[in-house]
PDB file of all heavy atoms in Angstrom:
ATOM      1  N   SER A   1      18.935  52.769  45.745  1.00  0.00           N
ATOM      2  CA  SER A   1      19.713  53.801  45.022  1.00  0.00           C
ATOM      3  C   SER A   1      19.646  55.205  45.563  1.00  0.00           C
ATOM      4  O   SER A   1      20.538  56.009  45.425  1.00  0.00           O
ATOM      5  CB  SER A   1      19.480  53.780  43.552  1.00  0.00           C
ATOM      6  OG  SER A   1      19.712  52.513  43.001  1.00  0.00           O
ATOM      7  N   VAL A   2      18.355  55.556  46.019  1.00  0.00           N
ATOM      8  CA  VAL A   2      18.065  56.838  46.457  1.00  0.00           C
ATOM      9  C   VAL A   2      17.373  56.857  47.777  1.00  0.00           C
ATOM     10  O   VAL A   2      16.136  56.825  47.905  1.00  0.00           O
ATOM     11  CB  VAL A   2      17.142  57.677  45.394  1.00  0.00           C
ATOM     12  CG1 VAL A   2      16.948  59.061  45.855  1.00  0.00           C
ATOM     13  CG2 VAL A   2      17.744  57.543  44.073  1.00  0.00           C
ATOM     14  N   PRO A   3      18.230  56.790  48.954  1.00  0.00           N
ATOM     15  CA  PRO A   3      17.560  56.784  50.270  1.00  0.00           C
ATOM     16  C   PRO A   3      16.764  58.008  50.423  1.00  0.00           C
ATOM     17  O   PRO A   3      17.098  59.109  50.044  1.00  0.00           O
ATOM     18  CB  PRO A   3      18.841  56.786  51.174  1.00  0.00           C
ATOM     19  CG  PRO A   3      19.924  56.223  50.313  1.00  0.00           C
ATOM     20  CD  PRO A   3      19.613  56.664  48.903  1.00  0.00           C
ATOM     21  N   GLY A   4      15.630  57.828  51.046  1.00  0.00           N
ATOM     22  CA  GLY A   4      14.634  58.974  51.329  1.00  0.00           C
ATOM     23  C   GLY A   4      13.983  59.405  50.071  1.00  0.00           C
ATOM     24  O   GLY A   4      13.241  60.509  50.090  1.00  0.00           O
ATOM     25  N   VAL A   5      13.773  58.536  49.046  1.00  0.00           N
ATOM     26  CA  VAL A   5      13.080  58.942  47.881  1.00  0.00           C
ATOM     27  C   VAL A   5      11.570  59.166  48.178  1.00  0.00           C
ATOM     28  O   VAL A   5      11.024  58.571  48.982  1.00  0.00           O
ATOM     29  CB  VAL A   5      13.198  57.817  46.704  1.00  0.00           C
ATOM     30  CG1 VAL A   5      12.562  56.548  47.173  1.00  0.00           C
ATOM     31  CG2 VAL A   5      12.639  58.305  45.400  1.00  0.00           C
ATOM     32  N   ARG A   6      11.031  60.149  47.535  1.00  0.00           N
ATOM     33  CA  ARG A   6       9.631  60.518  47.702  1.00  0.00           C
ATOM     34  C   ARG A   6       8.816  59.642  46.665  1.00  0.00           C
ATOM     35  O   ARG A   6       9.192  59.516  45.532  1.00  0.00           O
ATOM     36  CB  ARG A   6       9.413  61.953  47.494  1.00  0.00           C
ATOM     37  CG  ARG A   6       8.017  62.412  47.612  1.00  0.00           C
ATOM     38  CD  ARG A   6       7.922  63.970  47.347  1.00  0.00           C
ATOM     39  NE  ARG A   6       6.562  64.238  47.307  1.00  0.00           N
ATOM     40  CZ  ARG A   6       6.112  65.301  46.594  1.00  0.00           C
ATOM     41  NH1 ARG A   6       6.848  66.016  45.912  1.00  0.00           N
ATOM     42  NH2 ARG A   6       4.761  65.482  46.571  1.00  0.00           N
ATOM     43  N   LYS A   7       7.670  59.052  47.087  1.00  0.00           N
ATOM     44  CA  LYS A   7       6.787  58.314  46.204  1.00  0.00           C
ATOM     45  C   LYS A   7       5.437  58.804  46.142  1.00  0.00           C
ATOM     46  O   LYS A   7       4.924  59.468  47.134  1.00  0.00           O
ATOM     47  CB  LYS A   7       6.817  56.827  46.591  1.00  0.00           C
ATOM     48  CG  LYS A   7       8.102  56.141  46.679  1.00  0.00           C
ATOM     49  CD  LYS A   7       7.860  54.674  47.208  1.00  0.00           C
ATOM     50  CE  LYS A   7       9.157  53.924  47.476  1.00  0.00           C
ATOM     51  NZ  LYS A   7       8.830  52.551  47.867  1.00  0.00           N
ATOM     52  N   ALA A   8       4.731  58.676  45.005  1.00  0.00           N
ATOM     53  CA  ALA A   8       3.373  58.968  44.877  1.00  0.00           C
ATOM     54  C   ALA A   8       2.716  58.251  43.686  1.00  0.00           C
ATOM     55  O   ALA A   8       3.577  57.684  42.858  1.00  0.00           O
ATOM     56  CB  ALA A   8       3.216  60.440  44.668  1.00  0.00           C
ATOM     57  N   VAL A   9       1.432  58.121  43.641  1.00  0.00           N
ATOM     58  CA  VAL A   9       0.883  57.582  42.451  1.00  0.00           C
ATOM     59  C   VAL A   9      -0.001  58.828  41.804  1.00  0.00           C
ATOM     60  O   VAL A   9      -0.729  59.461  42.585  1.00  0.00           O
ATOM     61  CB  VAL A   9      -0.177  56.439  42.729  1.00  0.00           C
ATOM     62  CG1 VAL A   9      -1.016  56.171  41.463  1.00  0.00           C
ATOM     63  CG2 VAL A   9       0.579  55.301  43.172  1.00  0.00           C
ATOM     64  N   LYS A  10       0.410  59.122  40.579  1.00  0.00           N
ATOM     65  CA  LYS A  10      -0.337  60.219  39.875  1.00  0.00           C
ATOM     66  C   LYS A  10      -0.651  59.717  38.471  1.00  0.00           C
ATOM     67  O   LYS A  10       0.212  59.008  37.915  1.00  0.00           O
ATOM     68  CB  LYS A  10       0.631  61.454  39.711  1.00  0.00           C
ATOM     69  CG  LYS A  10       0.894  62.070  41.148  1.00  0.00           C
ATOM     70  CD  LYS A  10       1.896  63.309  41.040  1.00  0.00           C
ATOM     71  CE  LYS A  10       2.093  63.884  42.317  1.00  0.00           C
ATOM     72  NZ  LYS A  10       1.010  64.447  43.044  1.00  0.00           N
ATOM     73  N   TRP A  11      -1.772  60.055  37.993  1.00  0.00           N
ATOM     74  CA  TRP A  11      -2.154  59.577  36.629  1.00  0.00           C
ATOM     75  C   TRP A  11      -1.992  58.128  36.363  1.00  0.00           C
ATOM     76  O   TRP A  11      -1.540  57.622  35.415  1.00  0.00           O
ATOM     77  CB  TRP A  11      -1.414  60.386  35.588  1.00  0.00           C
ATOM     78  CG  TRP A  11      -1.585  61.856  35.744  1.00  0.00           C
ATOM     79  CD1 TRP A  11      -2.708  62.555  35.427  1.00  0.00           C
ATOM     80  CD2 TRP A  11      -0.627  62.777  36.222  1.00  0.00           C
ATOM     81  NE1 TRP A  11      -2.466  63.904  35.755  1.00  0.00           N
ATOM     82  CE2 TRP A  11      -1.246  64.003  36.260  1.00  0.00           C
ATOM     83  CE3 TRP A  11       0.663  62.624  36.833  1.00  0.00           C
ATOM     84  CZ2 TRP A  11      -0.579  65.103  36.767  1.00  0.00           C
ATOM     85  CZ3 TRP A  11       1.281  63.748  37.221  1.00  0.00           C
ATOM     86  CH2 TRP A  11       0.653  65.033  37.188  1.00  0.00           C
ATOM     87  N   ASN A  12      -2.402  57.346  37.541  1.00  0.00           N
ATOM     88  CA  ASN A  12      -2.279  55.853  37.503  1.00  0.00           C
ATOM     89  C   ASN A  12      -0.907  55.351  37.110  1.00  0.00           C
ATOM     90  O   ASN A  12      -0.728  54.300  36.491  1.00  0.00           O
ATOM     91  CB  ASN A  12      -3.403  55.287  36.485  1.00  0.00           C
ATOM     92  CG  ASN A  12      -4.674  55.590  36.794  1.00  0.00           C
ATOM     93  OD1 ASN A  12      -5.149  55.340  37.879  1.00  0.00           O
ATOM     94  ND2 ASN A  12      -5.358  56.166  35.841  1.00  0.00           N
ATOM     95  N   SER A  13       0.099  56.025  37.704  1.00  0.00           N
ATOM     96  CA  SER A  13       1.449  55.539  37.563  1.00  0.00           C
ATOM     97  C   SER A  13       2.282  55.904  38.832  1.00  0.00           C
ATOM     98  O   SER A  13       2.068  57.019  39.317  1.00  0.00           O
ATOM     99  CB  SER A  13       2.200  56.249  36.333  1.00  0.00           C
ATOM    100  OG  SER A  13       1.487  55.808  35.167  1.00  0.00           O
ATOM    101  N   PRO A  14       3.214  55.024  39.287  1.00  0.00           N
ATOM    102  CA  PRO A  14       4.110  55.547  40.398  1.00  0.00           C
ATOM    103  C   PRO A  14       5.089  56.524  39.871  1.00  0.00           C
ATOM    104  O   PRO A  14       5.589  56.410  38.827  1.00  0.00           O
ATOM    105  CB  PRO A  14       4.755  54.192  40.710  1.00  0.00           C
ATOM    106  CG  PRO A  14       3.984  53.053  40.110  1.00  0.00           C
ATOM    107  CD  PRO A  14       3.314  53.641  38.954  1.00  0.00           C
ATOM    108  N   PHE A  15       5.294  57.475  40.792  1.00  0.00           N
ATOM    109  CA  PHE A  15       6.328  58.519  40.465  1.00  0.00           C
ATOM    110  C   PHE A  15       7.361  58.412  41.632  1.00  0.00           C
ATOM    111  O   PHE A  15       6.975  58.244  42.807  1.00  0.00           O
ATOM    112  CB  PHE A  15       5.642  59.906  40.472  1.00  0.00           C
ATOM    113  CG  PHE A  15       5.105  60.206  39.134  1.00  0.00           C
ATOM    114  CD1 PHE A  15       3.868  59.514  38.693  1.00  0.00           C
ATOM    115  CD2 PHE A  15       5.503  61.197  38.307  1.00  0.00           C
ATOM    116  CE1 PHE A  15       3.333  59.855  37.448  1.00  0.00           C
ATOM    117  CE2 PHE A  15       4.972  61.512  37.087  1.00  0.00           C
ATOM    118  CZ  PHE A  15       3.867  60.792  36.591  1.00  0.00           C
ATOM    119  N   TYR A  16       8.584  58.749  41.312  1.00  0.00           N
ATOM    120  CA  TYR A  16       9.616  58.865  42.312  1.00  0.00           C
ATOM    121  C   TYR A  16      10.351  60.177  42.228  1.00  0.00           C
ATOM    122  O   TYR A  16      10.651  60.614  41.057  1.00  0.00           O
ATOM    123  CB  TYR A  16      10.610  57.697  42.127  1.00  0.00           C
ATOM    124  CG  TYR A  16      10.016  56.345  42.310  1.00  0.00           C
ATOM    125  CD1 TYR A  16       9.261  55.691  41.255  1.00  0.00           C
ATOM    126  CD2 TYR A  16      10.163  55.603  43.463  1.00  0.00           C
ATOM    127  CE1 TYR A  16       8.705  54.457  41.343  1.00  0.00           C
ATOM    128  CE2 TYR A  16       9.562  54.421  43.638  1.00  0.00           C
ATOM    129  CZ  TYR A  16       8.879  53.845  42.624  1.00  0.00           C
ATOM    130  OH  TYR A  16       8.299  52.602  42.800  1.00  0.00           O
ATOM    131  N   GLY A  17      10.601  60.793  43.306  1.00  0.00           N
ATOM    132  CA  GLY A  17      11.214  62.109  43.321  1.00  0.00           C
ATOM    133  C   GLY A  17      11.990  62.537  44.556  1.00  0.00           C
ATOM    134  O   GLY A  17      12.116  61.606  45.452  1.00  0.00           O
ATOM    135  N   ILE A  18      12.464  63.717  44.653  1.00  0.00           N
ATOM    136  CA  ILE A  18      13.126  64.251  45.688  1.00  0.00           C
ATOM    137  C   ILE A  18      12.248  65.375  46.285  1.00  0.00           C
ATOM    138  O   ILE A  18      11.869  66.248  45.521  1.00  0.00           O
ATOM    139  CB  ILE A  18      14.488  64.727  45.405  1.00  0.00           C
ATOM    140  CG1 ILE A  18      15.351  63.614  44.700  1.00  0.00           C
ATOM    141  CG2 ILE A  18      15.261  65.421  46.603  1.00  0.00           C
ATOM    142  CD1 ILE A  18      15.622  62.418  45.692  1.00  0.00           C
ATOM    143  N   GLU A  19      12.045  65.375  47.607  1.00  0.00           N
ATOM    144  CA  GLU A  19      11.121  66.430  48.280  1.00  0.00           C
ATOM    145  C   GLU A  19      11.694  67.729  47.938  1.00  0.00           C
ATOM    146  O   GLU A  19      12.947  68.033  47.962  1.00  0.00           O
ATOM    147  CB  GLU A  19      11.224  66.217  49.800  1.00  0.00           C
ATOM    148  CG  GLU A  19      10.272  67.167  50.510  1.00  0.00           C
ATOM    149  CD  GLU A  19       8.768  66.911  50.208  1.00  0.00           C
ATOM    150  OE1 GLU A  19       8.385  65.674  50.086  1.00  0.00           O
ATOM    151  OE2 GLU A  19       8.037  67.877  49.997  1.00  0.00           O
ATOM    152  N   GLY A  20      10.900  68.671  47.334  1.00  0.00           N
ATOM    153  CA  GLY A  20      11.261  70.064  46.988  1.00  0.00           C
ATOM    154  C   GLY A  20      11.900  70.220  45.629  1.00  0.00           C
ATOM    155  O   GLY A  20      12.186  71.346  45.246  1.00  0.00           O
ATOM    156  N   ARG A  21      12.186  69.048  44.998  1.00  0.00           N
ATOM    157  CA  ARG A  21      12.952  69.184  43.813  1.00  0.00           C
ATOM    158  C   ARG A  21      12.240  68.451  42.481  1.00  0.00           C
ATOM    159  O   ARG A  21      12.684  68.540  41.388  1.00  0.00           O
ATOM    160  CB  ARG A  21      14.240  68.487  43.845  1.00  0.00           C
ATOM    161  CG  ARG A  21      15.183  69.184  44.886  1.00  0.00           C
ATOM    162  CD  ARG A  21      16.608  68.713  44.987  1.00  0.00           C
ATOM    163  NE  ARG A  21      17.250  68.529  43.696  1.00  0.00           N
ATOM    164  CZ  ARG A  21      18.169  67.696  43.483  1.00  0.00           C
ATOM    165  NH1 ARG A  21      18.632  66.978  44.504  1.00  0.00           N
ATOM    166  NH2 ARG A  21      18.692  67.538  42.302  1.00  0.00           N
ATOM    167  N   GLY A  22      11.021  67.921  42.757  1.00  0.00           N
ATOM    168  CA  GLY A  22      10.228  67.363  41.684  1.00  0.00           C
ATOM    169  C   GLY A  22      10.552  65.834  41.451  1.00  0.00           C
ATOM    170  O   GLY A  22      11.155  65.168  42.223  1.00  0.00           O
ATOM    171  N   TRP A  23       9.852  65.372  40.366  1.00  0.00           N
ATOM    172  CA  TRP A  23       9.831  63.920  40.108  1.00  0.00           C
ATOM    173  C   TRP A  23      10.970  63.618  38.983  1.00  0.00           C
ATOM    174  O   TRP A  23      11.061  64.337  38.114  1.00  0.00           O
ATOM    175  CB  TRP A  23       8.526  63.537  39.503  1.00  0.00           C
ATOM    176  CG  TRP A  23       7.396  63.797  40.409  1.00  0.00           C
ATOM    177  CD1 TRP A  23       6.477  64.892  40.295  1.00  0.00           C
ATOM    178  CD2 TRP A  23       7.133  63.300  41.622  1.00  0.00           C
ATOM    179  NE1 TRP A  23       5.631  64.904  41.312  1.00  0.00           N
ATOM    180  CE2 TRP A  23       5.986  64.031  42.216  1.00  0.00           C
ATOM    181  CE3 TRP A  23       7.664  62.169  42.339  1.00  0.00           C
ATOM    182  CZ2 TRP A  23       5.419  63.691  43.467  1.00  0.00           C
ATOM    183  CZ3 TRP A  23       7.108  61.792  43.594  1.00  0.00           C
ATOM    184  CH2 TRP A  23       5.943  62.592  44.157  1.00  0.00           C
ATOM    185  N   PHE A  24      11.841  62.563  39.303  1.00  0.00           N
ATOM    186  CA  PHE A  24      12.751  62.201  38.392  1.00  0.00           C
ATOM    187  C   PHE A  24      12.407  60.913  37.483  1.00  0.00           C
ATOM    188  O   PHE A  24      13.087  60.712  36.495  1.00  0.00           O
ATOM    189  CB  PHE A  24      14.123  62.048  39.006  1.00  0.00           C
ATOM    190  CG  PHE A  24      14.221  60.962  40.013  1.00  0.00           C
ATOM    191  CD1 PHE A  24      14.564  59.646  39.660  1.00  0.00           C
ATOM    192  CD2 PHE A  24      14.089  61.266  41.392  1.00  0.00           C
ATOM    193  CE1 PHE A  24      14.640  58.679  40.641  1.00  0.00           C
ATOM    194  CE2 PHE A  24      14.132  60.222  42.393  1.00  0.00           C
ATOM    195  CZ  PHE A  24      14.504  58.874  42.022  1.00  0.00           C
ATOM    196  N   LEU A  25      11.430  60.135  37.857  1.00  0.00           N
ATOM    197  CA  LEU A  25      11.107  58.865  37.327  1.00  0.00           C
ATOM    198  C   LEU A  25       9.768  58.523  37.433  1.00  0.00           C
ATOM    199  O   LEU A  25       9.131  58.817  38.461  1.00  0.00           O
ATOM    200  CB  LEU A  25      12.066  57.807  37.903  1.00  0.00           C
ATOM    201  CG  LEU A  25      12.071  56.382  37.481  1.00  0.00           C
ATOM    202  CD1 LEU A  25      13.409  55.779  37.665  1.00  0.00           C
ATOM    203  CD2 LEU A  25      11.068  55.563  38.235  1.00  0.00           C
ATOM    204  N   GLY A  26       9.134  57.831  36.424  1.00  0.00           N
ATOM    205  CA  GLY A  26       7.795  57.307  36.549  1.00  0.00           C
ATOM    206  C   GLY A  26       7.789  55.987  35.922  1.00  0.00           C
ATOM    207  O   GLY A  26       8.594  55.701  35.078  1.00  0.00           O
ATOM    208  N   ILE A  27       6.887  55.085  36.353  1.00  0.00           N
ATOM    209  CA  ILE A  27       6.658  53.719  35.800  1.00  0.00           C
ATOM    210  C   ILE A  27       5.266  53.551  35.312  1.00  0.00           C
ATOM    211  O   ILE A  27       4.373  54.087  35.905  1.00  0.00           O
ATOM    212  CB  ILE A  27       6.927  52.685  36.904  1.00  0.00           C
ATOM    213  CG1 ILE A  27       8.393  52.692  37.372  1.00  0.00           C
ATOM    214  CG2 ILE A  27       6.615  51.275  36.347  1.00  0.00           C
ATOM    215  CD1 ILE A  27       8.659  51.855  38.587  1.00  0.00           C
ATOM    216  N   HIS A  28       5.060  52.921  34.105  1.00  0.00           N
ATOM    217  CA  HIS A  28       3.779  52.774  33.552  1.00  0.00           C
ATOM    218  C   HIS A  28       3.688  51.405  32.932  1.00  0.00           C
ATOM    219  O   HIS A  28       4.585  50.945  32.314  1.00  0.00           O
ATOM    220  CB  HIS A  28       3.454  53.801  32.536  1.00  0.00           C
ATOM    221  CG  HIS A  28       2.043  53.946  32.206  1.00  0.00           C
ATOM    222  ND1 HIS A  28       1.087  54.573  32.974  1.00  0.00           N
ATOM    223  CD2 HIS A  28       1.398  53.395  31.160  1.00  0.00           C
ATOM    224  CE1 HIS A  28      -0.047  54.518  32.412  1.00  0.00           C
ATOM    225  NE2 HIS A  28      -0.005  53.780  31.301  1.00  0.00           N
ATOM    226  N   SER A  29       2.554  50.712  33.097  1.00  0.00           N
ATOM    227  CA  SER A  29       2.298  49.390  32.637  1.00  0.00           C
ATOM    228  C   SER A  29       1.613  49.455  31.230  1.00  0.00           C
ATOM    229  O   SER A  29       0.575  50.148  31.108  1.00  0.00           O
ATOM    230  CB  SER A  29       1.538  48.544  33.534  1.00  0.00           C
ATOM    231  OG  SER A  29       1.200  47.257  33.039  1.00  0.00           O
ATOM    232  N   PHE A  30       2.147  48.792  30.258  1.00  0.00           N
ATOM    233  CA  PHE A  30       1.515  48.716  28.925  1.00  0.00           C
ATOM    234  C   PHE A  30       1.284  47.144  28.738  1.00  0.00           C
ATOM    235  O   PHE A  30       1.797  46.373  29.456  1.00  0.00           O
ATOM    236  CB  PHE A  30       2.530  49.255  27.910  1.00  0.00           C
ATOM    237  CG  PHE A  30       2.545  50.768  27.860  1.00  0.00           C
ATOM    238  CD1 PHE A  30       3.563  51.402  28.735  1.00  0.00           C
ATOM    239  CD2 PHE A  30       1.650  51.520  27.211  1.00  0.00           C
ATOM    240  CE1 PHE A  30       3.622  52.772  28.731  1.00  0.00           C
ATOM    241  CE2 PHE A  30       1.694  52.859  27.277  1.00  0.00           C
ATOM    242  CZ  PHE A  30       2.714  53.543  28.041  1.00  0.00           C
ATOM    243  N   THR A  31       0.683  46.837  27.673  1.00  0.00           N
ATOM    244  CA  THR A  31       0.221  45.450  27.451  1.00  0.00           C
ATOM    245  C   THR A  31       1.385  44.454  27.496  1.00  0.00           C
ATOM    246  O   THR A  31       1.344  43.427  28.184  1.00  0.00           O
ATOM    247  CB  THR A  31      -0.483  45.302  26.113  1.00  0.00           C
ATOM    248  OG1 THR A  31      -1.650  46.156  26.037  1.00  0.00           O
ATOM    249  CG2 THR A  31      -0.958  43.840  25.887  1.00  0.00           C
ATOM    250  N   HIS A  32       2.520  44.721  26.815  1.00  0.00           N
ATOM    251  CA  HIS A  32       3.536  43.788  26.734  1.00  0.00           C
ATOM    252  C   HIS A  32       4.904  44.272  27.479  1.00  0.00           C
ATOM    253  O   HIS A  32       5.966  43.642  27.330  1.00  0.00           O
ATOM    254  CB  HIS A  32       3.883  43.487  25.301  1.00  0.00           C
ATOM    255  CG  HIS A  32       2.740  42.953  24.627  1.00  0.00           C
ATOM    256  ND1 HIS A  32       2.255  41.709  24.879  1.00  0.00           N
ATOM    257  CD2 HIS A  32       2.009  43.457  23.640  1.00  0.00           C
ATOM    258  CE1 HIS A  32       1.213  41.506  24.018  1.00  0.00           C
ATOM    259  NE2 HIS A  32       0.978  42.486  23.284  1.00  0.00           N
ATOM    260  N   TYR A  33       4.891  45.302  28.253  1.00  0.00           N
ATOM    261  CA  TYR A  33       6.064  45.837  28.923  1.00  0.00           C
ATOM    262  C   TYR A  33       5.722  46.828  29.929  1.00  0.00           C
ATOM    263  O   TYR A  33       4.642  47.356  30.005  1.00  0.00           O
ATOM    264  CB  TYR A  33       7.071  46.362  27.849  1.00  0.00           C
ATOM    265  CG  TYR A  33       6.450  47.665  27.102  1.00  0.00           C
ATOM    266  CD1 TYR A  33       6.743  48.957  27.456  1.00  0.00           C
ATOM    267  CD2 TYR A  33       5.740  47.445  25.955  1.00  0.00           C
ATOM    268  CE1 TYR A  33       6.267  50.034  26.793  1.00  0.00           C
ATOM    269  CE2 TYR A  33       5.287  48.591  25.168  1.00  0.00           C
ATOM    270  CZ  TYR A  33       5.512  49.835  25.678  1.00  0.00           C
ATOM    271  OH  TYR A  33       4.948  50.929  25.005  1.00  0.00           O
ATOM    272  N   LEU A  34       6.781  47.104  30.819  1.00  0.00           N
ATOM    273  CA  LEU A  34       6.716  48.081  31.820  1.00  0.00           C
ATOM    274  C   LEU A  34       7.622  49.153  31.296  1.00  0.00           C
ATOM    275  O   LEU A  34       8.803  48.941  30.886  1.00  0.00           O
ATOM    276  CB  LEU A  34       7.146  47.738  33.218  1.00  0.00           C
ATOM    277  CG  LEU A  34       6.234  47.042  34.152  1.00  0.00           C
ATOM    278  CD1 LEU A  34       6.836  46.713  35.473  1.00  0.00           C
ATOM    279  CD2 LEU A  34       4.972  47.715  34.315  1.00  0.00           C
ATOM    280  N   LYS A  35       7.223  50.368  31.313  1.00  0.00           N
ATOM    281  CA  LYS A  35       8.026  51.602  30.835  1.00  0.00           C
ATOM    282  C   LYS A  35       8.573  52.258  32.121  1.00  0.00           C
ATOM    283  O   LYS A  35       7.718  52.694  32.924  1.00  0.00           O
ATOM    284  CB  LYS A  35       7.303  52.529  29.941  1.00  0.00           C
ATOM    285  CG  LYS A  35       8.080  53.744  29.475  1.00  0.00           C
ATOM    286  CD  LYS A  35       7.306  54.657  28.638  1.00  0.00           C
ATOM    287  CE  LYS A  35       6.978  54.107  27.233  1.00  0.00           C
ATOM    288  NZ  LYS A  35       8.189  53.869  26.394  1.00  0.00           N
ATOM    289  N   VAL A  36       9.875  52.482  32.193  1.00  0.00           N
ATOM    290  CA  VAL A  36      10.550  53.217  33.180  1.00  0.00           C
ATOM    291  C   VAL A  36      10.997  54.549  32.440  1.00  0.00           C
ATOM    292  O   VAL A  36      11.859  54.572  31.528  1.00  0.00           O
ATOM    293  CB  VAL A  36      11.768  52.550  33.764  1.00  0.00           C
ATOM    294  CG1 VAL A  36      12.443  53.480  34.806  1.00  0.00           C
ATOM    295  CG2 VAL A  36      11.366  51.291  34.332  1.00  0.00           C
ATOM    296  N   ALA A  37      10.289  55.732  32.809  1.00  0.00           N
ATOM    297  CA  ALA A  37      10.591  56.958  32.078  1.00  0.00           C
ATOM    298  C   ALA A  37      11.368  57.831  33.041  1.00  0.00           C
ATOM    299  O   ALA A  37      11.038  58.066  34.257  1.00  0.00           O
ATOM    300  CB  ALA A  37       9.213  57.662  31.816  1.00  0.00           C
ATOM    301  N   PHE A  38      12.497  58.360  32.436  1.00  0.00           N
ATOM    302  CA  PHE A  38      13.395  59.288  33.181  1.00  0.00           C
ATOM    303  C   PHE A  38      12.986  60.664  32.656  1.00  0.00           C
ATOM    304  O   PHE A  38      13.272  60.960  31.465  1.00  0.00           O
ATOM    305  CB  PHE A  38      14.914  58.934  32.917  1.00  0.00           C
ATOM    306  CG  PHE A  38      15.266  57.606  33.553  1.00  0.00           C
ATOM    307  CD1 PHE A  38      15.312  56.511  32.715  1.00  0.00           C
ATOM    308  CD2 PHE A  38      15.589  57.529  34.889  1.00  0.00           C
ATOM    309  CE1 PHE A  38      15.623  55.289  33.196  1.00  0.00           C
ATOM    310  CE2 PHE A  38      15.943  56.327  35.387  1.00  0.00           C
ATOM    311  CZ  PHE A  38      16.009  55.201  34.575  1.00  0.00           C
ATOM    312  N   PHE A  39      12.540  61.496  33.454  1.00  0.00           N
ATOM    313  CA  PHE A  39      11.955  62.790  33.032  1.00  0.00           C
ATOM    314  C   PHE A  39      12.984  63.738  32.440  1.00  0.00           C
ATOM    315  O   PHE A  39      12.757  64.650  31.697  1.00  0.00           O
ATOM    316  CB  PHE A  39      11.138  63.486  34.065  1.00  0.00           C
ATOM    317  CG  PHE A  39       9.946  62.619  34.480  1.00  0.00           C
ATOM    318  CD1 PHE A  39       9.731  62.319  35.821  1.00  0.00           C
ATOM    319  CD2 PHE A  39       9.075  62.098  33.522  1.00  0.00           C
ATOM    320  CE1 PHE A  39       8.668  61.435  36.177  1.00  0.00           C
ATOM    321  CE2 PHE A  39       8.088  61.208  33.904  1.00  0.00           C
ATOM    322  CZ  PHE A  39       7.827  60.955  35.157  1.00  0.00           C
ATOM    323  N   ARG A  40      14.251  63.665  32.920  1.00  0.00           N
ATOM    324  CA  ARG A  40      15.359  64.404  32.364  1.00  0.00           C
ATOM    325  C   ARG A  40      16.431  63.449  31.750  1.00  0.00           C
ATOM    326  O   ARG A  40      17.597  63.589  31.844  1.00  0.00           O
ATOM    327  CB  ARG A  40      16.076  65.243  33.512  1.00  0.00           C
ATOM    328  CG  ARG A  40      15.239  66.157  34.249  1.00  0.00           C
ATOM    329  CD  ARG A  40      14.881  67.422  33.491  1.00  0.00           C
ATOM    330  NE  ARG A  40      14.260  68.350  34.317  1.00  0.00           N
ATOM    331  CZ  ARG A  40      12.990  68.951  33.949  1.00  0.00           C
ATOM    332  NH1 ARG A  40      12.451  68.652  32.806  1.00  0.00           N
ATOM    333  NH2 ARG A  40      12.373  69.764  34.758  1.00  0.00           N
ATOM    334  N   GLY A  41      15.793  62.463  31.017  1.00  0.00           N
ATOM    335  CA  GLY A  41      16.726  61.396  30.503  1.00  0.00           C
ATOM    336  C   GLY A  41      17.745  61.822  29.456  1.00  0.00           C
ATOM    337  O   GLY A  41      18.741  61.101  29.371  1.00  0.00           O
ATOM    338  N   THR A  42      17.521  62.924  28.743  1.00  0.00           N
ATOM    339  CA  THR A  42      18.516  63.376  27.836  1.00  0.00           C
ATOM    340  C   THR A  42      19.878  63.764  28.510  1.00  0.00           C
ATOM    341  O   THR A  42      20.932  63.814  27.912  1.00  0.00           O
ATOM    342  CB  THR A  42      18.029  64.443  26.940  1.00  0.00           C
ATOM    343  OG1 THR A  42      17.614  65.549  27.760  1.00  0.00           O
ATOM    344  CG2 THR A  42      16.922  63.947  26.052  1.00  0.00           C
ATOM    345  N   SER A  43      19.831  64.049  29.777  1.00  0.00           N
ATOM    346  CA  SER A  43      20.911  64.418  30.597  1.00  0.00           C
ATOM    347  C   SER A  43      21.656  63.291  31.196  1.00  0.00           C
ATOM    348  O   SER A  43      22.739  63.454  31.771  1.00  0.00           O
ATOM    349  CB  SER A  43      20.567  65.421  31.788  1.00  0.00           C
ATOM    350  OG  SER A  43      19.921  66.524  31.192  1.00  0.00           O
ATOM    351  N   LEU A  44      21.172  62.052  31.036  1.00  0.00           N
ATOM    352  CA  LEU A  44      21.823  60.902  31.655  1.00  0.00           C
ATOM    353  C   LEU A  44      22.901  60.260  30.665  1.00  0.00           C
ATOM    354  O   LEU A  44      22.755  60.484  29.497  1.00  0.00           O
ATOM    355  CB  LEU A  44      20.781  59.823  31.971  1.00  0.00           C
ATOM    356  CG  LEU A  44      19.556  60.238  32.862  1.00  0.00           C
ATOM    357  CD1 LEU A  44      18.623  59.001  33.010  1.00  0.00           C
ATOM    358  CD2 LEU A  44      20.011  60.738  34.181  1.00  0.00           C
TER     359      LEU A  44
END
């Protein structure tokens, strides 16, 4: 969906972002689910 996406692991979670523009999404594992967090989700 986002060619050239920037990736990193921070705080034991994968983060996805755009170089020079910050992180737009993070993933975190919980006991019974994976959470996909959109950091500006109220704008979606």
